[in-house]
N, C-alpha and C. Protein backbone atom coordinates (compact mmCIF):
# COMPACT_ATOMS: atom_id res chain seq x y z
N UNK A 1 0.84 -1.18 0.00
CA UNK A 1 0.00 0.00 0.00
C UNK A 1 0.88 1.24 0.00
N UNK A 2 0.51 2.23 -0.80
CA UNK A 2 1.30 3.43 -0.94
C UNK A 2 1.15 4.39 0.23
N UNK A 3 1.89 5.44 0.18
CA UNK A 3 1.85 6.45 1.23
C UNK A 3 0.55 7.25 1.12
N UNK A 4 0.15 7.84 2.22
CA UNK A 4 -1.02 8.70 2.25
C UNK A 4 -0.77 9.89 1.33
N UNK A 5 -1.67 10.13 0.35
CA UNK A 5 -1.35 11.11 -0.69
C UNK A 5 -1.54 12.57 -0.32
N UNK A 6 -2.11 12.87 0.84
CA UNK A 6 -2.40 14.25 1.18
C UNK A 6 -1.66 14.64 2.46
N UNK A 7 -1.33 15.92 2.55
CA UNK A 7 -0.68 16.42 3.76
C UNK A 7 -1.75 16.94 4.72
N UNK A 8 -1.51 16.78 6.02
CA UNK A 8 -2.39 17.39 7.01
C UNK A 8 -1.96 18.85 7.15
N UNK A 9 -2.90 19.74 7.01
CA UNK A 9 -2.61 21.16 7.03
C UNK A 9 -3.32 21.83 8.19
N UNK A 10 -2.81 22.96 8.64
CA UNK A 10 -3.49 23.79 9.61
C UNK A 10 -4.01 24.99 8.85
N UNK A 11 -5.34 25.12 8.81
CA UNK A 11 -5.96 26.18 8.02
C UNK A 11 -6.84 27.01 8.94
N UNK A 12 -6.72 28.31 8.82
CA UNK A 12 -7.55 29.22 9.60
C UNK A 12 -8.80 29.55 8.78
N UNK A 13 -9.86 28.78 9.03
CA UNK A 13 -11.10 28.97 8.28
C UNK A 13 -11.87 30.15 8.81
N UNK A 14 -12.61 30.81 7.95
CA UNK A 14 -13.51 31.88 8.37
C UNK A 14 -14.93 31.35 8.35
N UNK A 15 -15.66 31.62 9.39
CA UNK A 15 -17.05 31.18 9.49
C UNK A 15 -17.94 32.35 9.07
N UNK A 16 -18.78 32.13 8.03
CA UNK A 16 -19.66 33.23 7.61
C UNK A 16 -20.71 33.51 8.67
N UNK A 17 -21.14 34.75 8.77
CA UNK A 17 -22.09 35.12 9.83
C UNK A 17 -23.52 34.70 9.46
N UNK A 18 -23.82 33.41 9.60
CA UNK A 18 -25.17 32.89 9.34
C UNK A 18 -25.73 32.43 10.67
N UNK A 19 -26.93 32.91 10.97
CA UNK A 19 -27.55 32.52 12.23
C UNK A 19 -27.85 31.03 12.23
N UNK A 20 -27.70 30.41 13.38
CA UNK A 20 -27.90 28.97 13.52
C UNK A 20 -29.32 28.57 13.09
N UNK A 21 -30.32 29.36 13.43
CA UNK A 21 -31.71 29.04 13.07
C UNK A 21 -31.90 29.05 11.55
N UNK A 22 -31.28 30.01 10.88
CA UNK A 22 -31.38 30.10 9.41
C UNK A 22 -30.68 28.90 8.78
N UNK A 23 -29.51 28.56 9.27
CA UNK A 23 -28.77 27.42 8.75
C UNK A 23 -29.55 26.12 8.95
N UNK A 24 -30.15 25.96 10.12
CA UNK A 24 -30.93 24.76 10.41
C UNK A 24 -32.14 24.66 9.48
N UNK A 25 -32.79 25.78 9.21
CA UNK A 25 -33.94 25.79 8.30
C UNK A 25 -33.52 25.41 6.88
N UNK A 26 -32.38 25.89 6.44
CA UNK A 26 -31.88 25.58 5.09
C UNK A 26 -31.47 24.12 4.95
N UNK A 27 -31.10 23.49 6.04
CA UNK A 27 -30.58 22.12 5.99
C UNK A 27 -31.62 21.06 6.35
N UNK A 28 -32.91 21.44 6.43
CA UNK A 28 -33.93 20.46 6.76
C UNK A 28 -34.08 19.45 5.64
N UNK A 29 -34.19 18.18 6.02
CA UNK A 29 -34.35 17.09 5.05
C UNK A 29 -35.82 16.74 4.92
N UNK A 30 -36.19 16.28 3.72
CA UNK A 30 -37.58 15.92 3.47
C UNK A 30 -37.62 14.69 2.58
N UNK A 31 -38.35 13.67 3.01
CA UNK A 31 -38.50 12.47 2.18
C UNK A 31 -39.27 12.79 0.90
N UNK A 32 -40.31 13.60 1.01
CA UNK A 32 -41.13 13.93 -0.16
C UNK A 32 -40.32 14.72 -1.19
N UNK A 33 -39.61 15.75 -0.75
CA UNK A 33 -38.79 16.52 -1.69
C UNK A 33 -37.67 15.67 -2.27
N UNK A 34 -37.08 14.80 -1.46
CA UNK A 34 -36.04 13.91 -1.95
C UNK A 34 -36.57 12.97 -3.02
N UNK A 35 -37.77 12.41 -2.78
CA UNK A 35 -38.37 11.52 -3.78
C UNK A 35 -38.69 12.26 -5.08
N UNK A 36 -39.25 13.45 -4.96
CA UNK A 36 -39.54 14.25 -6.16
C UNK A 36 -38.27 14.50 -6.95
N UNK A 37 -37.23 14.89 -6.27
CA UNK A 37 -35.96 15.18 -6.94
C UNK A 37 -35.40 13.92 -7.60
N UNK A 38 -35.28 12.85 -6.84
CA UNK A 38 -34.64 11.62 -7.36
C UNK A 38 -35.44 11.00 -8.49
N UNK A 39 -36.75 10.88 -8.30
CA UNK A 39 -37.57 10.30 -9.36
C UNK A 39 -37.60 11.21 -10.59
N UNK A 40 -37.58 12.51 -10.35
CA UNK A 40 -37.53 13.46 -11.48
C UNK A 40 -36.24 13.34 -12.27
N UNK A 41 -35.13 13.24 -11.57
CA UNK A 41 -33.83 13.09 -12.25
C UNK A 41 -33.80 11.79 -13.03
N UNK A 42 -34.26 10.70 -12.42
CA UNK A 42 -34.28 9.41 -13.11
C UNK A 42 -35.21 9.45 -14.32
N UNK A 43 -36.35 10.13 -14.21
CA UNK A 43 -37.29 10.25 -15.34
C UNK A 43 -36.67 11.04 -16.49
N UNK A 44 -36.00 12.15 -16.16
CA UNK A 44 -35.36 12.96 -17.20
C UNK A 44 -34.25 12.17 -17.88
N UNK A 45 -33.43 11.46 -17.10
CA UNK A 45 -32.38 10.64 -17.70
C UNK A 45 -32.96 9.52 -18.56
N UNK A 46 -34.03 8.90 -18.08
CA UNK A 46 -34.67 7.84 -18.85
C UNK A 46 -35.26 8.37 -20.15
N UNK A 47 -35.91 9.54 -20.07
CA UNK A 47 -36.51 10.13 -21.27
C UNK A 47 -35.45 10.56 -22.28
N UNK A 48 -34.40 11.20 -21.81
CA UNK A 48 -33.36 11.67 -22.74
C UNK A 48 -32.60 10.49 -23.34
N UNK A 49 -32.35 9.46 -22.55
CA UNK A 49 -31.68 8.26 -23.06
C UNK A 49 -32.56 7.51 -24.05
N UNK A 50 -33.85 7.41 -23.74
CA UNK A 50 -34.78 6.73 -24.65
C UNK A 50 -34.91 7.49 -25.97
N UNK A 51 -34.92 8.81 -25.89
CA UNK A 51 -34.99 9.62 -27.11
C UNK A 51 -33.76 9.39 -27.98
N UNK A 52 -32.60 9.40 -27.35
CA UNK A 52 -31.36 9.15 -28.11
C UNK A 52 -31.40 7.75 -28.73
N UNK A 53 -31.87 6.76 -27.99
CA UNK A 53 -31.94 5.40 -28.53
C UNK A 53 -32.96 5.32 -29.67
N UNK A 54 -34.08 6.01 -29.53
CA UNK A 54 -35.09 6.01 -30.60
C UNK A 54 -34.48 6.54 -31.90
N UNK A 55 -33.78 7.66 -31.81
CA UNK A 55 -33.17 8.23 -33.02
C UNK A 55 -32.09 7.29 -33.58
N UNK A 56 -31.40 6.58 -32.71
CA UNK A 56 -30.43 5.59 -33.17
C UNK A 56 -31.13 4.44 -33.91
N UNK A 57 -32.19 3.93 -33.30
CA UNK A 57 -32.91 2.78 -33.88
C UNK A 57 -33.56 3.14 -35.21
N UNK A 58 -33.96 4.41 -35.36
CA UNK A 58 -34.61 4.82 -36.61
C UNK A 58 -33.61 5.45 -37.58
N UNK A 59 -32.33 5.39 -37.26
CA UNK A 59 -31.23 5.86 -38.11
C UNK A 59 -31.33 7.34 -38.47
N UNK A 60 -31.79 8.12 -37.50
CA UNK A 60 -31.83 9.57 -37.66
C UNK A 60 -30.59 10.13 -36.97
N UNK A 61 -29.47 10.07 -37.67
CA UNK A 61 -28.15 10.28 -37.06
C UNK A 61 -27.94 11.68 -36.51
N UNK A 62 -28.39 12.69 -37.21
CA UNK A 62 -28.20 14.06 -36.73
C UNK A 62 -28.97 14.26 -35.43
N UNK A 63 -30.25 13.83 -35.43
CA UNK A 63 -31.05 13.96 -34.22
C UNK A 63 -30.52 13.09 -33.09
N UNK A 64 -29.99 11.93 -33.45
CA UNK A 64 -29.39 11.07 -32.44
C UNK A 64 -28.20 11.77 -31.77
N UNK A 65 -27.38 12.42 -32.59
CA UNK A 65 -26.22 13.13 -32.04
C UNK A 65 -26.66 14.25 -31.10
N UNK A 66 -27.69 14.99 -31.51
CA UNK A 66 -28.21 16.07 -30.65
C UNK A 66 -28.77 15.49 -29.35
N UNK A 67 -29.57 14.43 -29.48
CA UNK A 67 -30.17 13.82 -28.28
C UNK A 67 -29.12 13.22 -27.37
N UNK A 68 -28.09 12.62 -27.96
CA UNK A 68 -27.02 12.04 -27.16
C UNK A 68 -26.21 13.13 -26.45
N UNK A 69 -26.02 14.25 -27.12
CA UNK A 69 -25.33 15.38 -26.50
C UNK A 69 -26.13 15.90 -25.30
N UNK A 70 -27.44 16.05 -25.47
CA UNK A 70 -28.31 16.51 -24.38
C UNK A 70 -28.30 15.50 -23.23
N UNK A 71 -28.44 14.22 -23.57
CA UNK A 71 -28.45 13.18 -22.54
C UNK A 71 -27.12 13.15 -21.78
N UNK A 72 -26.02 13.27 -22.51
CA UNK A 72 -24.70 13.28 -21.85
C UNK A 72 -24.54 14.46 -20.91
N UNK A 73 -25.03 15.63 -21.33
CA UNK A 73 -24.97 16.81 -20.47
C UNK A 73 -25.80 16.64 -19.21
N UNK A 74 -26.99 16.07 -19.36
CA UNK A 74 -27.84 15.82 -18.19
C UNK A 74 -27.23 14.75 -17.29
N UNK A 75 -26.67 13.72 -17.90
CA UNK A 75 -26.08 12.62 -17.14
C UNK A 75 -24.86 13.08 -16.35
N UNK A 76 -24.08 13.97 -16.95
CA UNK A 76 -22.85 14.42 -16.30
C UNK A 76 -23.13 15.31 -15.09
N UNK A 77 -24.30 15.95 -15.08
CA UNK A 77 -24.66 16.83 -13.96
C UNK A 77 -25.31 15.99 -12.88
N UNK A 78 -24.53 15.59 -11.89
CA UNK A 78 -25.05 14.66 -10.87
C UNK A 78 -24.68 15.08 -9.45
N UNK A 79 -25.18 16.24 -9.00
CA UNK A 79 -24.83 16.66 -7.64
C UNK A 79 -25.44 15.78 -6.57
N UNK A 80 -26.47 15.01 -6.92
CA UNK A 80 -27.12 14.17 -5.90
C UNK A 80 -26.18 13.10 -5.36
N UNK A 81 -25.22 12.63 -6.15
CA UNK A 81 -24.31 11.61 -5.64
C UNK A 81 -23.48 12.15 -4.48
N UNK A 82 -23.13 13.41 -4.54
CA UNK A 82 -22.38 14.05 -3.46
C UNK A 82 -23.22 14.04 -2.18
N UNK A 83 -24.47 14.43 -2.30
CA UNK A 83 -25.33 14.51 -1.13
C UNK A 83 -25.66 13.13 -0.57
N UNK A 84 -25.78 12.13 -1.45
CA UNK A 84 -26.01 10.76 -0.96
C UNK A 84 -24.83 10.29 -0.13
N UNK A 85 -23.63 10.66 -0.52
CA UNK A 85 -22.43 10.26 0.24
C UNK A 85 -22.48 10.81 1.66
N UNK A 86 -23.11 11.97 1.82
CA UNK A 86 -23.23 12.58 3.14
C UNK A 86 -24.52 12.18 3.86
N UNK A 87 -25.42 11.51 3.15
CA UNK A 87 -26.69 11.11 3.77
C UNK A 87 -27.63 12.26 4.02
N UNK A 88 -27.61 13.27 3.13
CA UNK A 88 -28.39 14.48 3.39
C UNK A 88 -29.57 14.69 2.45
N UNK A 89 -29.93 13.69 1.65
CA UNK A 89 -31.04 13.87 0.71
C UNK A 89 -32.38 13.60 1.39
N UNK A 90 -32.49 12.48 2.08
CA UNK A 90 -33.75 12.09 2.70
C UNK A 90 -33.69 12.18 4.21
N UNK A 91 -34.84 12.42 4.83
CA UNK A 91 -34.93 12.39 6.28
C UNK A 91 -34.79 10.96 6.80
N UNK A 92 -35.36 10.00 6.04
CA UNK A 92 -35.31 8.59 6.41
C UNK A 92 -34.04 7.95 5.86
N UNK A 93 -33.25 7.34 6.74
CA UNK A 93 -31.94 6.80 6.35
C UNK A 93 -32.03 5.72 5.28
N UNK A 94 -33.00 4.80 5.37
CA UNK A 94 -33.05 3.71 4.42
C UNK A 94 -33.37 4.21 3.02
N UNK A 95 -34.17 5.28 2.90
CA UNK A 95 -34.43 5.86 1.57
C UNK A 95 -33.14 6.41 0.98
N UNK A 96 -32.34 7.05 1.81
CA UNK A 96 -31.06 7.57 1.34
C UNK A 96 -30.17 6.43 0.85
N UNK A 97 -30.15 5.32 1.57
CA UNK A 97 -29.33 4.17 1.18
C UNK A 97 -29.81 3.55 -0.13
N UNK A 98 -31.12 3.39 -0.28
CA UNK A 98 -31.66 2.79 -1.51
C UNK A 98 -31.30 3.64 -2.72
N UNK A 99 -31.55 4.94 -2.63
CA UNK A 99 -31.27 5.80 -3.78
C UNK A 99 -29.78 6.04 -3.98
N UNK A 100 -29.00 5.95 -2.90
CA UNK A 100 -27.55 6.03 -3.06
C UNK A 100 -27.06 4.88 -3.91
N UNK A 101 -27.61 3.71 -3.70
CA UNK A 101 -27.22 2.54 -4.50
C UNK A 101 -27.70 2.66 -5.95
N UNK A 102 -28.90 3.17 -6.14
CA UNK A 102 -29.42 3.35 -7.51
C UNK A 102 -28.56 4.33 -8.28
N UNK A 103 -28.31 5.51 -7.69
CA UNK A 103 -27.49 6.50 -8.38
C UNK A 103 -26.03 6.06 -8.43
N UNK A 104 -25.61 5.25 -7.46
CA UNK A 104 -24.26 4.71 -7.50
C UNK A 104 -24.05 3.82 -8.70
N UNK A 105 -25.05 3.02 -9.04
CA UNK A 105 -24.96 2.18 -10.24
C UNK A 105 -24.83 3.04 -11.50
N UNK A 106 -25.46 4.20 -11.48
CA UNK A 106 -25.43 5.08 -12.65
C UNK A 106 -24.13 5.88 -12.75
N UNK A 107 -23.66 6.40 -11.61
CA UNK A 107 -22.60 7.41 -11.67
C UNK A 107 -21.26 7.04 -11.07
N UNK A 108 -21.22 6.24 -10.03
CA UNK A 108 -19.95 5.98 -9.36
C UNK A 108 -19.24 4.82 -10.01
N UNK A 109 -18.22 5.13 -10.77
CA UNK A 109 -17.49 4.08 -11.48
C UNK A 109 -16.15 3.78 -10.85
N UNK A 110 -15.75 4.54 -9.85
CA UNK A 110 -14.45 4.35 -9.23
C UNK A 110 -14.54 3.58 -7.92
N UNK A 111 -13.42 3.49 -7.25
CA UNK A 111 -13.32 2.81 -5.96
C UNK A 111 -13.94 3.71 -4.88
N UNK A 112 -15.02 3.25 -4.25
CA UNK A 112 -15.72 4.09 -3.29
C UNK A 112 -14.90 4.38 -2.04
N UNK A 113 -14.02 3.45 -1.63
CA UNK A 113 -13.18 3.69 -0.44
C UNK A 113 -12.17 4.80 -0.71
N UNK A 114 -11.55 4.78 -1.90
CA UNK A 114 -10.60 5.84 -2.25
C UNK A 114 -11.33 7.18 -2.42
N UNK A 115 -12.54 7.12 -2.99
CA UNK A 115 -13.32 8.35 -3.14
C UNK A 115 -13.63 8.94 -1.78
N UNK A 116 -14.04 8.10 -0.83
CA UNK A 116 -14.40 8.62 0.49
C UNK A 116 -13.19 9.27 1.17
N UNK A 117 -12.03 8.63 1.08
CA UNK A 117 -10.81 9.20 1.66
C UNK A 117 -10.52 10.55 1.02
N UNK A 118 -10.58 10.60 -0.29
CA UNK A 118 -10.32 11.84 -1.01
C UNK A 118 -11.35 12.90 -0.64
N UNK A 119 -12.59 12.49 -0.50
CA UNK A 119 -13.66 13.45 -0.24
C UNK A 119 -13.58 14.04 1.16
N UNK A 120 -13.17 13.23 2.13
CA UNK A 120 -12.98 13.75 3.49
C UNK A 120 -11.90 14.83 3.48
N UNK A 121 -10.81 14.56 2.79
CA UNK A 121 -9.74 15.57 2.68
C UNK A 121 -10.22 16.79 1.91
N UNK A 122 -11.06 16.58 0.92
CA UNK A 122 -11.61 17.69 0.14
C UNK A 122 -12.39 18.63 1.05
N UNK A 123 -13.19 18.08 1.96
CA UNK A 123 -13.96 18.94 2.85
C UNK A 123 -13.11 19.60 3.93
N UNK A 124 -12.04 18.96 4.33
CA UNK A 124 -11.16 19.57 5.33
C UNK A 124 -10.29 20.67 4.74
N UNK A 125 -9.81 20.44 3.52
CA UNK A 125 -8.79 21.31 2.94
C UNK A 125 -9.21 21.85 1.56
N UNK A 126 -10.47 22.21 1.41
CA UNK A 126 -11.00 22.64 0.12
C UNK A 126 -10.11 23.68 -0.55
N UNK A 127 -9.70 23.37 -1.75
CA UNK A 127 -8.89 24.20 -2.65
C UNK A 127 -7.47 24.48 -2.16
N UNK A 128 -7.01 23.81 -1.14
CA UNK A 128 -5.62 23.98 -0.70
C UNK A 128 -4.77 22.90 -1.37
N UNK A 129 -3.80 23.34 -2.12
CA UNK A 129 -3.03 22.50 -3.04
C UNK A 129 -2.50 21.21 -2.43
N UNK A 130 -1.96 21.22 -1.24
CA UNK A 130 -1.32 20.01 -0.69
C UNK A 130 -2.30 19.08 0.03
N UNK A 131 -3.53 19.53 0.26
CA UNK A 131 -4.45 18.71 1.03
C UNK A 131 -5.69 18.25 0.29
N UNK A 132 -6.14 19.00 -0.71
CA UNK A 132 -7.38 18.68 -1.41
C UNK A 132 -7.05 17.95 -2.71
N UNK A 133 -7.52 16.71 -2.83
CA UNK A 133 -7.25 15.94 -4.03
C UNK A 133 -8.33 16.08 -5.09
N UNK A 134 -9.39 16.84 -4.82
CA UNK A 134 -10.49 16.95 -5.77
C UNK A 134 -10.51 18.29 -6.49
N UNK A 135 -10.41 19.38 -5.76
CA UNK A 135 -10.46 20.71 -6.37
C UNK A 135 -9.20 21.46 -5.96
N UNK A 136 -8.29 21.60 -6.87
CA UNK A 136 -7.03 22.28 -6.57
C UNK A 136 -6.97 23.54 -7.43
N UNK A 137 -6.94 24.68 -6.77
CA UNK A 137 -6.89 25.96 -7.49
C UNK A 137 -5.53 26.59 -7.32
N UNK A 138 -5.01 27.35 -8.25
CA UNK A 138 -5.59 27.56 -9.58
C UNK A 138 -5.41 26.31 -10.44
N UNK A 139 -6.39 26.08 -11.32
CA UNK A 139 -6.33 24.92 -12.21
C UNK A 139 -5.53 25.28 -13.46
N UNK A 140 -4.57 24.45 -13.79
CA UNK A 140 -3.80 24.65 -15.00
C UNK A 140 -4.45 23.81 -16.10
N UNK A 141 -5.13 24.47 -17.02
CA UNK A 141 -5.85 23.75 -18.08
C UNK A 141 -4.93 23.32 -19.22
N UNK A 142 -3.74 23.92 -19.29
CA UNK A 142 -2.80 23.58 -20.35
C UNK A 142 -1.78 22.59 -19.81
N UNK A 143 -1.57 21.53 -20.53
CA UNK A 143 -0.58 20.54 -20.11
C UNK A 143 0.75 20.85 -20.80
N UNK A 144 1.82 20.70 -20.04
CA UNK A 144 3.14 20.94 -20.63
C UNK A 144 3.58 19.70 -21.40
N UNK A 145 4.30 19.90 -22.46
CA UNK A 145 4.81 18.79 -23.26
C UNK A 145 6.15 18.37 -22.69
N UNK A 146 6.23 17.12 -22.27
CA UNK A 146 7.49 16.63 -21.69
C UNK A 146 8.09 15.58 -22.58
């Protein structure tokens, strides 16, 4: 097993002035809202994927490309997987677990143990180069030729 890839850092975080009551109200969980969101996302993905497949099956290549582009854009936008990892979508824990597994089949293609380790460090050291393995700023979009 390799060395731990992140450094432990001491960071002086600033806490925004948000009243505890306001924060608590914003963070309330709801089974009904969670179901609406999850079933809605699955319905949109199913509809966009079915549309792309229909155009493929009927050999309408231009429309298939457009539909596949739309489906890919919708599929790539998956913030719910982040919230499932934290257990913050549903008020009822078992609902969170069921939908975490459903969306996990759709979106999580990597090693979940490594992701969890990386994600814990991400929340502790967000955007700090030596500690955050997920979002490191500034991002260098150009690769050097070696």
